[in-house]
């Protein structure tokens, strides 16, 4: 039986969220952890720790990551649960449910969405959606 060390601190939810967003963007760009690490001057192991939220990303490092991944720093905080409470606008706007965040954190899901977005023919897209729905229904049987 695995026992948890009570002295071991769990990552803060904001660090986990930022790490997920880093990973989602890196995978979307088809960039290896080692490539990102080299670009920002850290090892791929450090990138792994950032992505898991076990190591916090400092402000200057987050800016470096944003530059390499070609997004604004705010990208890493978008859709953060509870993150809208200080916004001037609607606090619930843009919230992505945790289940959806877990789904888009999956490499296969990102690859599927990325490939699907490259398909310009709407009829082909509709057929693909139909195929996926049919396969999902077949698995239920």
C-alpha atoms as a PDB file:
ATOM      1  CA  UNK A   1       0.000   0.000   0.000  1.00  0.00           C
ATOM      2  CA  UNK A   2       1.294   3.417  -0.974  1.00  0.00           C
ATOM      3  CA  UNK A   3       1.365   5.926   1.842  1.00  0.00           C
ATOM      4  CA  UNK A   4       1.531   9.623   1.213  1.00  0.00           C
ATOM      5  CA  UNK A   5       4.290  11.625   2.889  1.00  0.00           C
ATOM      6  CA  UNK A   6       2.452  14.341   4.861  1.00  0.00           C
ATOM      7  CA  UNK A   7       5.478  16.644   4.549  1.00  0.00           C
ATOM      8  CA  UNK A   8       5.420  16.496   0.765  1.00  0.00           C
ATOM      9  CA  UNK A   9       3.601  19.562  -0.482  1.00  0.00           C
ATOM     10  CA  UNK A  10       1.032  19.171  -3.246  1.00  0.00           C
ATOM     11  CA  UNK A  11       1.292  21.539  -6.225  1.00  0.00           C
ATOM     12  CA  UNK A  12      -0.923  24.594  -6.128  1.00  0.00           C
ATOM     13  CA  UNK A  13      -3.885  24.451  -8.534  1.00  0.00           C
ATOM     14  CA  UNK A  14      -2.634  27.535 -10.401  1.00  0.00           C
ATOM     15  CA  UNK A  15       0.746  25.851 -11.014  1.00  0.00           C
ATOM     16  CA  UNK A  16      -0.980  22.716 -12.321  1.00  0.00           C
ATOM     17  CA  UNK A  17      -3.207  24.827 -14.584  1.00  0.00           C
ATOM     18  CA  UNK A  18      -0.306  26.870 -15.984  1.00  0.00           C
ATOM     19  CA  UNK A  19       1.657  23.659 -16.533  1.00  0.00           C
ATOM     20  CA  UNK A  20      -1.248  22.066 -18.420  1.00  0.00           C
ATOM     21  CA  UNK A  21      -1.551  25.140 -20.613  1.00  0.00           C
ATOM     22  CA  UNK A  22       2.191  25.022 -21.362  1.00  0.00           C
ATOM     23  CA  UNK A  23       1.884  21.355 -22.324  1.00  0.00           C
ATOM     24  CA  UNK A  24      -1.226  21.884 -24.448  1.00  0.00           C
ATOM     25  CA  UNK A  25       0.429  24.654 -26.441  1.00  0.00           C
ATOM     26  CA  UNK A  26       3.747  22.800 -26.783  1.00  0.00           C
ATOM     27  CA  UNK A  27       2.035  19.640 -28.043  1.00  0.00           C
ATOM     28  CA  UNK A  28      -0.205  21.681 -30.334  1.00  0.00           C
ATOM     29  CA  UNK A  29       2.950  23.151 -31.900  1.00  0.00           C
ATOM     30  CA  UNK A  30       4.391  19.623 -32.162  1.00  0.00           C
ATOM     31  CA  UNK A  31       7.389  20.679 -30.080  1.00  0.00           C
ATOM     32  CA  UNK A  32       9.371  18.256 -27.932  1.00  0.00           C
ATOM     33  CA  UNK A  33      10.015  19.022 -24.264  1.00  0.00           C
ATOM     34  CA  UNK A  34      13.734  19.021 -25.032  1.00  0.00           C
ATOM     35  CA  UNK A  35      13.254  21.641 -27.750  1.00  0.00           C
ATOM     36  CA  UNK A  36      11.327  23.932 -25.421  1.00  0.00           C
ATOM     37  CA  UNK A  37      13.855  23.345 -22.665  1.00  0.00           C
ATOM     38  CA  UNK A  38      16.769  24.188 -24.926  1.00  0.00           C
ATOM     39  CA  UNK A  39      15.039  27.365 -26.112  1.00  0.00           C
ATOM     40  CA  UNK A  40      14.543  28.601 -22.531  1.00  0.00           C
ATOM     41  CA  UNK A  41      17.797  27.249 -21.072  1.00  0.00           C
ATOM     42  CA  UNK A  42      16.526  24.349 -18.944  1.00  0.00           C
ATOM     43  CA  UNK A  43      16.515  20.561 -19.239  1.00  0.00           C
ATOM     44  CA  UNK A  44      13.568  18.601 -20.591  1.00  0.00           C
ATOM     45  CA  UNK A  45      13.149  17.223 -17.066  1.00  0.00           C
ATOM     46  CA  UNK A  46      12.585  20.768 -15.814  1.00  0.00           C
ATOM     47  CA  UNK A  47       9.997  21.307 -18.559  1.00  0.00           C
ATOM     48  CA  UNK A  48       8.277  18.104 -17.356  1.00  0.00           C
ATOM     49  CA  UNK A  49       8.159  19.484 -13.825  1.00  0.00           C
ATOM     50  CA  UNK A  50       6.715  22.781 -15.072  1.00  0.00           C
ATOM     51  CA  UNK A  51       4.072  20.912 -17.068  1.00  0.00           C
ATOM     52  CA  UNK A  52       3.063  18.783 -14.076  1.00  0.00           C
ATOM     53  CA  UNK A  53       2.965  21.820 -11.808  1.00  0.00           C
ATOM     54  CA  UNK A  54       5.485  20.297  -9.400  1.00  0.00           C
ATOM     55  CA  UNK A  55       7.858  23.205 -10.047  1.00  0.00           C
ATOM     56  CA  UNK A  56       6.551  26.733 -10.250  1.00  0.00           C
ATOM     57  CA  UNK A  57       7.327  28.806 -13.295  1.00  0.00           C
ATOM     58  CA  UNK A  58       8.742  32.217 -12.404  1.00  0.00           C
ATOM     59  CA  UNK A  59       7.518  35.318 -14.196  1.00  0.00           C
ATOM     60  CA  UNK A  60      10.594  35.803 -16.379  1.00  0.00           C
ATOM     61  CA  UNK A  61      10.671  32.109 -17.299  1.00  0.00           C
ATOM     62  CA  UNK A  62       6.958  32.191 -18.128  1.00  0.00           C
ATOM     63  CA  UNK A  63       7.628  35.142 -20.447  1.00  0.00           C
ATOM     64  CA  UNK A  64      10.378  33.131 -22.159  1.00  0.00           C
ATOM     65  CA  UNK A  65       8.032  30.169 -22.564  1.00  0.00           C
ATOM     66  CA  UNK A  66       5.306  32.432 -23.945  1.00  0.00           C
ATOM     67  CA  UNK A  67       7.740  33.866 -26.489  1.00  0.00           C
ATOM     68  CA  UNK A  68       8.892  30.425 -27.638  1.00  0.00           C
ATOM     69  CA  UNK A  69       5.324  29.100 -27.806  1.00  0.00           C
ATOM     70  CA  UNK A  70       4.164  32.289 -29.551  1.00  0.00           C
ATOM     71  CA  UNK A  71       1.367  33.177 -27.121  1.00  0.00           C
ATOM     72  CA  UNK A  72       0.814  36.025 -24.655  1.00  0.00           C
ATOM     73  CA  UNK A  73       1.536  35.232 -21.009  1.00  0.00           C
ATOM     74  CA  UNK A  74      -2.185  35.571 -20.316  1.00  0.00           C
ATOM     75  CA  UNK A  75      -2.747  32.408 -22.397  1.00  0.00           C
ATOM     76  CA  UNK A  76      -1.442  30.311 -19.501  1.00  0.00           C
ATOM     77  CA  UNK A  77      -4.087  31.681 -17.132  1.00  0.00           C
ATOM     78  CA  UNK A  78      -7.087  31.465 -19.453  1.00  0.00           C
ATOM     79  CA  UNK A  79      -9.979  29.270 -18.343  1.00  0.00           C
ATOM     80  CA  UNK A  80      -8.514  28.829 -14.888  1.00  0.00           C
ATOM     81  CA  UNK A  81     -11.140  27.626 -12.407  1.00  0.00           C
ATOM     82  CA  UNK A  82     -11.830  30.525 -10.072  1.00  0.00           C
ATOM     83  CA  UNK A  83      -9.579  32.744 -12.161  1.00  0.00           C
ATOM     84  CA  UNK A  84     -12.350  35.052 -13.242  1.00  0.00           C
ATOM     85  CA  UNK A  85     -13.192  36.476  -9.835  1.00  0.00           C
ATOM     86  CA  UNK A  86     -10.969  39.520 -10.386  1.00  0.00           C
ATOM     87  CA  UNK A  87     -12.027  40.158 -13.974  1.00  0.00           C
ATOM     88  CA  UNK A  88     -14.049  43.228 -14.803  1.00  0.00           C
ATOM     89  CA  UNK A  89     -16.332  41.154 -17.046  1.00  0.00           C
ATOM     90  CA  UNK A  90     -18.380  38.029 -16.497  1.00  0.00           C
ATOM     91  CA  UNK A  91     -16.522  35.744 -14.072  1.00  0.00           C
ATOM     92  CA  UNK A  92     -17.879  32.615 -15.734  1.00  0.00           C
ATOM     93  CA  UNK A  93     -17.062  33.580 -19.315  1.00  0.00           C
ATOM     94  CA  UNK A  94     -14.724  31.206 -21.106  1.00  0.00           C
ATOM     95  CA  UNK A  95     -14.519  28.612 -18.336  1.00  0.00           C
ATOM     96  CA  UNK A  96     -13.513  25.178 -19.565  1.00  0.00           C
ATOM     97  CA  UNK A  97     -14.774  22.333 -17.399  1.00  0.00           C
ATOM     98  CA  UNK A  98     -12.041  20.192 -15.780  1.00  0.00           C
ATOM     99  CA  UNK A  99     -13.167  17.142 -17.800  1.00  0.00           C
ATOM    100  CA  UNK A 100     -12.576  19.046 -21.031  1.00  0.00           C
ATOM    101  CA  UNK A 101      -9.185  20.285 -19.787  1.00  0.00           C
ATOM    102  CA  UNK A 102      -8.160  16.672 -19.090  1.00  0.00           C
ATOM    103  CA  UNK A 103      -9.359  15.661 -22.538  1.00  0.00           C
ATOM    104  CA  UNK A 104      -7.428  18.364 -24.370  1.00  0.00           C
ATOM    105  CA  UNK A 105      -4.371  17.555 -22.282  1.00  0.00           C
ATOM    106  CA  UNK A 106      -4.233  14.162 -24.039  1.00  0.00           C
ATOM    107  CA  UNK A 107      -1.733  13.976 -26.917  1.00  0.00           C
ATOM    108  CA  UNK A 108      -4.081  11.877 -29.073  1.00  0.00           C
ATOM    109  CA  UNK A 109      -6.927  14.345 -28.639  1.00  0.00           C
ATOM    110  CA  UNK A 110      -4.694  17.254 -29.594  1.00  0.00           C
ATOM    111  CA  UNK A 111      -3.393  15.401 -32.644  1.00  0.00           C
ATOM    112  CA  UNK A 112      -6.955  14.581 -33.717  1.00  0.00           C
ATOM    113  CA  UNK A 113      -8.158  18.166 -33.275  1.00  0.00           C
ATOM    114  CA  UNK A 114      -5.085  19.557 -35.009  1.00  0.00           C
ATOM    115  CA  UNK A 115      -5.575  17.260 -38.011  1.00  0.00           C
ATOM    116  CA  UNK A 116      -9.328  17.936 -38.092  1.00  0.00           C
ATOM    117  CA  UNK A 117      -8.706  21.697 -38.180  1.00  0.00           C
ATOM    118  CA  UNK A 118      -6.561  21.255 -41.281  1.00  0.00           C
ATOM    119  CA  UNK A 119      -9.476  19.765 -43.211  1.00  0.00           C
ATOM    120  CA  UNK A 120     -11.070  22.600 -45.154  1.00  0.00           C
ATOM    121  CA  UNK A 121     -13.923  20.701 -46.838  1.00  0.00           C
ATOM    122  CA  UNK A 122     -17.009  20.994 -44.610  1.00  0.00           C
ATOM    123  CA  UNK A 123     -18.555  17.852 -46.120  1.00  0.00           C
ATOM    124  CA  UNK A 124     -15.481  15.821 -45.244  1.00  0.00           C
ATOM    125  CA  UNK A 125     -15.549  17.230 -41.715  1.00  0.00           C
ATOM    126  CA  UNK A 126     -19.209  16.267 -41.353  1.00  0.00           C
ATOM    127  CA  UNK A 127     -18.462  12.721 -42.546  1.00  0.00           C
ATOM    128  CA  UNK A 128     -15.613  12.416 -40.050  1.00  0.00           C
ATOM    129  CA  UNK A 129     -17.885  13.526 -37.209  1.00  0.00           C
ATOM    130  CA  UNK A 130     -20.470  10.995 -38.352  1.00  0.00           C
ATOM    131  CA  UNK A 131     -17.843   8.263 -38.440  1.00  0.00           C
ATOM    132  CA  UNK A 132     -16.600   9.070 -34.954  1.00  0.00           C
ATOM    133  CA  UNK A 133     -20.149   9.127 -33.589  1.00  0.00           C
ATOM    134  CA  UNK A 134     -20.876   5.766 -35.241  1.00  0.00           C
ATOM    135  CA  UNK A 135     -17.718   4.253 -33.773  1.00  0.00           C
ATOM    136  CA  UNK A 136     -18.587   5.604 -30.322  1.00  0.00           C
ATOM    137  CA  UNK A 137     -22.089   4.099 -30.558  1.00  0.00           C
ATOM    138  CA  UNK A 138     -20.627   0.783 -31.732  1.00  0.00           C
ATOM    139  CA  UNK A 139     -18.435   0.694 -28.608  1.00  0.00           C
ATOM    140  CA  UNK A 140     -21.515   1.157 -26.398  1.00  0.00           C
ATOM    141  CA  UNK A 141     -23.126  -1.995 -27.779  1.00  0.00           C
END
